[in-house]
């Protein structure tokens, strides 16, 4: 196999690579010459005691690996590609309790239970409320005249949506924002490395308490459906519910916020597309 022509210091896991631009040229080179490529890295640099990992750059290969958990596992090393150097193996193994890092049959069981809460009817019932919230968020940002788009708009919609979805009081949504930021910012110089563990514990405690409260006092919301859903006589325990809501809160909040922010940035970089969007 031909060796890809890449910069000597190229590392698909290094956030600094993505700070200024997406490395599309390097990805194209990998797809052309080495679609299955081994990324060398110092032992322990990303929290794993090995000398690197395989990188897939073709959609068909990624799809095949994602479907074949008899060979490829997220349980072994999790679906997270990068931890801090100080991450201990015991703490990596603790990530296995999150749905993202489970293999079948445990993953299948959890999905079956959770799907009882996320039926089309349950999700569609939130459509009008979330549409109204989106309109209000934009109107309030417009009325201010200036501000921070990420915090005032991009952050607010997913936070309010998650709060609406899980029955979290809207006044508590900024707790989810702060906890989520701390949990994904282990290599951000603005955060202490221990903040993530503290945030995980606080969020887990918050949602476990919510699960216990809904078991005692059911309401017409998705949380109640989840904590009472059964498959083959099994239901989610309070800690399983807590870990699932951590996944939902962090993934649904942080990723959606970034998607909205990058989308607006793309419009600013391509004003013709902004005009097309407004027109059509």
Protein backbone atom coordinates (compact mmCIF):
# COMPACT_ATOMS: atom_id res chain seq x y z
CA UNK A 1 0.00 0.00 0.00
CA UNK A 2 1.28 3.49 -0.85
CA UNK A 3 2.35 5.69 2.02
CA UNK A 4 0.25 8.85 2.39
CA UNK A 5 2.05 12.15 1.97
CA UNK A 6 1.12 13.95 5.18
CA UNK A 7 2.74 16.65 7.32
CA UNK A 8 5.17 15.08 9.80
CA UNK A 9 3.16 16.28 12.78
CA UNK A 10 -0.31 15.44 11.40
CA UNK A 11 -2.53 13.87 14.06
CA UNK A 12 -6.25 13.29 13.51
CA UNK A 13 -6.82 13.55 17.28
CA UNK A 14 -5.08 16.88 17.86
CA UNK A 15 -7.59 19.73 18.42
CA UNK A 16 -4.98 22.24 17.23
CA UNK A 17 -5.20 20.70 13.75
CA UNK A 18 -8.85 21.81 13.55
CA UNK A 19 -8.48 25.22 15.15
CA UNK A 20 -8.04 27.13 11.89
CA UNK A 21 -9.48 24.80 9.26
CA UNK A 22 -10.65 21.29 8.48
CA UNK A 23 -7.78 19.15 7.11
CA UNK A 24 -9.65 18.21 3.95
CA UNK A 25 -6.46 17.79 1.90
CA UNK A 26 -5.06 15.31 4.41
CA UNK A 27 -8.34 13.37 4.53
CA UNK A 28 -8.42 13.21 0.73
CA UNK A 29 -4.83 11.95 0.70
CA UNK A 30 -5.70 9.22 3.20
CA UNK A 31 -8.80 8.15 1.24
CA UNK A 32 -6.73 7.95 -1.94
CA UNK A 33 -3.59 6.19 -0.64
CA UNK A 34 -4.38 4.62 2.76
CA UNK A 35 -8.10 4.55 3.61
CA UNK A 36 -7.23 2.27 6.54
CA UNK A 37 -4.25 4.00 8.16
CA UNK A 38 -2.44 3.53 11.47
CA UNK A 39 -2.01 6.76 13.44
CA UNK A 40 1.20 6.50 15.46
CA UNK A 41 1.27 8.32 18.77
CA UNK A 42 3.30 8.23 22.00
CA UNK A 43 2.14 5.63 24.52
CA UNK A 44 -0.27 7.15 27.01
CA UNK A 45 -0.56 10.50 25.26
CA UNK A 46 -4.36 10.30 24.86
CA UNK A 47 -4.96 8.25 27.99
CA UNK A 48 -4.51 4.86 26.27
CA UNK A 49 -1.51 2.63 26.92
CA UNK A 50 -0.80 1.80 23.28
CA UNK A 51 1.18 3.31 20.42
CA UNK A 52 -1.72 4.43 18.25
CA UNK A 53 -4.91 3.37 16.51
CA UNK A 54 -6.44 2.72 13.10
CA UNK A 55 -8.07 5.57 11.19
CA UNK A 56 -10.85 4.93 8.65
CA UNK A 57 -11.63 7.65 6.12
CA UNK A 58 -14.16 5.95 3.81
CA UNK A 59 -17.85 5.93 4.62
CA UNK A 60 -18.34 2.27 3.64
CA UNK A 61 -15.58 1.16 6.04
CA UNK A 62 -16.93 3.25 8.91
CA UNK A 63 -20.40 1.83 8.28
CA UNK A 64 -19.13 -1.76 8.27
CA UNK A 65 -17.19 -1.31 11.51
CA UNK A 66 -20.18 0.36 13.17
CA UNK A 67 -22.38 -2.63 12.34
CA UNK A 68 -19.98 -5.41 13.35
CA UNK A 69 -19.63 -5.37 17.13
CA UNK A 70 -18.56 -9.03 17.12
CA UNK A 71 -15.15 -7.75 15.97
CA UNK A 72 -15.15 -4.01 16.67
CA UNK A 73 -16.03 -2.91 20.20
CA UNK A 74 -16.81 0.40 21.86
CA UNK A 75 -16.90 -1.39 25.21
CA UNK A 76 -13.17 -2.16 25.25
CA UNK A 77 -11.76 1.36 24.90
CA UNK A 78 -15.00 3.39 24.55
CA UNK A 79 -16.07 5.50 21.58
CA UNK A 80 -14.01 8.43 22.88
CA UNK A 81 -10.82 8.86 20.86
CA UNK A 82 -8.98 11.19 23.22
CA UNK A 83 -8.67 11.50 27.00
CA UNK A 84 -6.23 13.54 29.07
CA UNK A 85 -2.83 12.01 29.75
CA UNK A 86 -3.71 11.84 33.44
CA UNK A 87 -6.78 9.67 32.78
CA UNK A 88 -6.48 6.43 34.74
CA UNK A 89 -7.59 3.14 33.23
CA UNK A 90 -10.24 2.64 35.94
CA UNK A 91 -11.84 5.93 34.93
CA UNK A 92 -11.83 4.91 31.26
CA UNK A 93 -13.54 1.64 32.18
CA UNK A 94 -16.21 3.59 34.09
CA UNK A 95 -17.30 5.09 30.74
CA UNK A 96 -18.76 1.68 29.84
CA UNK A 97 -21.97 2.45 31.75
CA UNK A 98 -22.95 5.00 29.05
CA UNK A 99 -25.05 3.76 26.12
CA UNK A 100 -22.53 5.04 23.58
CA UNK A 101 -19.91 2.67 24.96
CA UNK A 102 -21.97 -0.52 25.14
CA UNK A 103 -21.96 -3.53 22.83
CA UNK A 104 -24.78 -5.99 22.25
CA UNK A 105 -26.63 -7.48 24.04
CA UNK A 106 -26.47 -4.80 26.75
CA UNK A 107 -26.73 -2.02 24.16
CA UNK A 108 -29.74 -3.74 22.57
CA UNK A 109 -31.53 -4.01 25.92
CA UNK A 110 -30.92 -0.35 26.78
CA UNK A 111 -32.08 0.84 23.36
CA UNK A 112 -35.25 -1.23 23.61
CA UNK A 113 -36.16 0.34 26.96
CA UNK A 114 -35.24 3.89 25.96
CA UNK A 115 -37.15 3.69 22.68
CA UNK A 116 -40.37 3.31 24.72
CA UNK A 117 -39.95 6.91 25.83
CA UNK A 118 -38.85 8.34 22.51
CA UNK A 119 -41.80 7.33 20.38
CA UNK A 120 -42.72 9.54 17.39
CA UNK A 121 -45.83 10.62 19.28
CA UNK A 122 -43.86 11.65 22.37
CA UNK A 123 -41.28 13.60 20.39
CA UNK A 124 -43.84 15.21 18.06
CA UNK A 125 -45.77 16.43 21.08
CA UNK A 126 -42.84 18.79 21.78
CA UNK A 127 -42.76 20.26 18.27
CA UNK A 128 -45.01 23.28 18.88
CA UNK A 129 -43.35 24.14 22.20
CA UNK A 130 -39.84 23.96 20.73
CA UNK A 131 -40.85 25.96 17.65
CA UNK A 132 -42.20 28.68 19.92
CA UNK A 133 -39.01 28.63 21.99
CA UNK A 134 -36.88 28.98 18.84
CA UNK A 135 -38.92 32.02 17.74
CA UNK A 136 -38.59 33.59 21.19
CA UNK A 137 -34.82 33.01 21.37
CA UNK A 138 -34.25 34.74 18.02
CA UNK A 139 -36.65 37.59 18.85
CA UNK A 140 -34.91 38.27 22.18
CA UNK A 141 -31.47 38.21 20.54
CA UNK A 142 -32.70 40.62 17.84
CA UNK A 143 -34.18 42.96 20.42
CA UNK A 144 -30.83 43.21 22.24
CA UNK A 145 -29.19 44.42 19.03
CA UNK A 146 -25.81 42.86 19.80
CA UNK A 147 -24.36 40.04 21.83
CA UNK A 148 -22.69 36.65 21.62
CA UNK A 149 -24.41 34.45 19.00
CA UNK A 150 -23.09 31.22 20.52
CA UNK A 151 -24.33 31.95 24.02
CA UNK A 152 -27.48 33.91 23.15
CA UNK A 153 -28.78 31.71 20.31
CA UNK A 154 -26.80 28.55 19.56
CA UNK A 155 -26.62 27.49 23.22
CA UNK A 156 -30.16 28.39 24.17
CA UNK A 157 -32.16 26.24 21.74
CA UNK A 158 -30.59 22.84 22.59
CA UNK A 159 -30.56 23.70 26.30
CA UNK A 160 -34.22 24.64 26.33
CA UNK A 161 -35.07 21.63 24.16
CA UNK A 162 -33.32 19.20 26.51
CA UNK A 163 -34.97 20.81 29.50
CA UNK A 164 -38.36 20.53 27.78
CA UNK A 165 -37.62 16.94 26.75
CA UNK A 166 -36.54 15.73 30.18
CA UNK A 167 -38.80 17.83 32.33
CA UNK A 168 -35.93 19.87 33.75
CA UNK A 169 -37.09 23.26 35.08
CA UNK A 170 -35.97 25.92 32.61
CA UNK A 171 -34.23 27.79 35.42
CA UNK A 172 -31.93 24.76 35.80
CA UNK A 173 -30.90 24.60 32.14
CA UNK A 174 -27.69 26.57 32.71
CA UNK A 175 -26.61 23.87 35.14
CA UNK A 176 -26.70 21.44 32.21
CA UNK A 177 -24.74 23.97 30.13
CA UNK A 178 -22.01 24.32 32.76
CA UNK A 179 -21.83 20.60 33.55
CA UNK A 180 -21.64 19.72 29.83
CA UNK A 181 -18.85 22.21 29.20
CA UNK A 182 -16.78 20.88 32.08
CA UNK A 183 -17.26 17.27 30.99
CA UNK A 184 -15.96 17.79 27.45
CA UNK A 185 -13.22 20.33 28.26
CA UNK A 186 -10.58 18.17 29.91
CA UNK A 187 -7.83 19.58 27.64
CA UNK A 188 -9.16 23.15 27.61
CA UNK A 189 -6.75 25.45 29.50
CA UNK A 190 -9.73 27.42 30.86
CA UNK A 191 -10.84 24.38 32.90
CA UNK A 192 -9.29 22.36 35.70
CA UNK A 193 -8.86 18.68 34.66
CA UNK A 194 -10.79 17.58 37.75
CA UNK A 195 -13.82 19.70 36.83
CA UNK A 196 -15.14 17.01 34.48
CA UNK A 197 -15.35 14.36 37.20
CA UNK A 198 -17.06 16.79 39.56
CA UNK A 199 -19.55 17.79 36.85
CA UNK A 200 -20.28 14.13 36.00
CA UNK A 201 -21.06 13.37 39.64
CA UNK A 202 -23.28 16.44 40.04
CA UNK A 203 -25.24 15.77 36.83
CA UNK A 204 -25.64 12.08 37.66
CA UNK A 205 -26.92 12.91 41.14
CA UNK A 206 -29.35 15.46 39.72
CA UNK A 207 -30.93 13.05 37.23
CA UNK A 208 -30.93 10.06 39.59
CA UNK A 209 -32.91 12.16 42.05
CA UNK A 210 -35.28 13.13 39.22
CA UNK A 211 -35.78 9.45 38.32
CA UNK A 212 -36.67 8.56 41.91
CA UNK A 213 -39.08 11.50 42.12
CA UNK A 214 -40.87 10.47 38.89
CA UNK A 215 -41.21 6.90 40.14
CA UNK A 216 -43.02 8.22 43.20
CA UNK A 217 -44.92 10.99 41.39
CA UNK A 218 -45.51 10.11 37.72
CA UNK A 219 -46.11 12.95 35.25
CA UNK A 220 -47.05 13.15 31.59
CA UNK A 221 -43.46 13.45 30.34
CA UNK A 222 -40.69 11.40 28.76
CA UNK A 223 -38.84 10.97 32.06
CA UNK A 224 -41.85 9.17 33.55
CA UNK A 225 -42.17 6.99 30.45
CA UNK A 226 -38.50 6.05 30.64
CA UNK A 227 -38.36 5.15 34.32
CA UNK A 228 -41.51 3.02 33.99
CA UNK A 229 -40.74 1.43 30.59
CA UNK A 230 -40.22 -2.34 30.65
CA UNK A 231 -38.77 -4.87 28.21
CA UNK A 232 -38.98 -8.54 29.21
CA UNK A 233 -39.79 -7.50 32.74
CA UNK A 234 -36.77 -5.17 33.07
CA UNK A 235 -36.79 -1.42 33.46
CA UNK A 236 -34.12 1.25 33.73
CA UNK A 237 -32.59 1.57 37.17
CA UNK A 238 -32.10 5.09 38.53
CA UNK A 239 -28.38 5.01 37.83
CA UNK A 240 -28.93 3.69 34.27
CA UNK A 241 -31.39 6.53 33.70
CA UNK A 242 -28.87 8.98 35.15
CA UNK A 243 -26.07 7.83 32.83
CA UNK A 244 -28.41 7.94 29.82
CA UNK A 245 -29.40 11.53 30.58
CA UNK A 246 -25.72 12.45 30.88
CA UNK A 247 -25.24 11.16 27.33
CA UNK A 248 -28.35 12.95 26.08
CA UNK A 249 -27.50 16.20 27.84
CA UNK A 250 -23.87 16.39 26.77
CA UNK A 251 -24.28 15.04 23.22
CA UNK A 252 -27.54 16.83 22.51
CA UNK A 253 -26.35 20.12 23.95
CA UNK A 254 -22.71 20.41 22.91
CA UNK A 255 -23.01 18.94 19.42
CA UNK A 256 -26.15 20.88 18.47
CA UNK A 257 -24.67 24.11 19.78
CA UNK A 258 -21.59 23.58 17.63
CA UNK A 259 -23.66 22.62 14.58
CA UNK A 260 -25.71 25.84 14.83
CA UNK A 261 -22.57 27.94 15.37
CA UNK A 262 -20.67 26.36 12.49
CA UNK A 263 -23.73 26.67 10.28
CA UNK A 264 -23.94 30.41 10.91
CA UNK A 265 -20.20 30.76 10.39
CA UNK A 266 -20.53 28.94 7.04
CA UNK A 267 -23.27 31.38 6.00
CA UNK A 268 -20.99 34.31 6.90
CA UNK A 269 -18.20 32.80 4.81
CA UNK A 270 -20.60 32.14 1.92
CA UNK A 271 -23.00 35.10 1.71
CA UNK A 272 -24.48 33.85 -1.56
CA UNK A 273 -25.75 30.79 0.29
CA UNK A 274 -27.23 33.03 3.01
CA UNK A 275 -29.14 34.97 0.35
CA UNK A 276 -30.31 31.69 -1.22
CA UNK A 277 -31.47 30.44 2.17
CA UNK A 278 -33.44 33.62 2.87
CA UNK A 279 -34.97 33.57 -0.59
CA UNK A 280 -36.01 29.90 -0.70
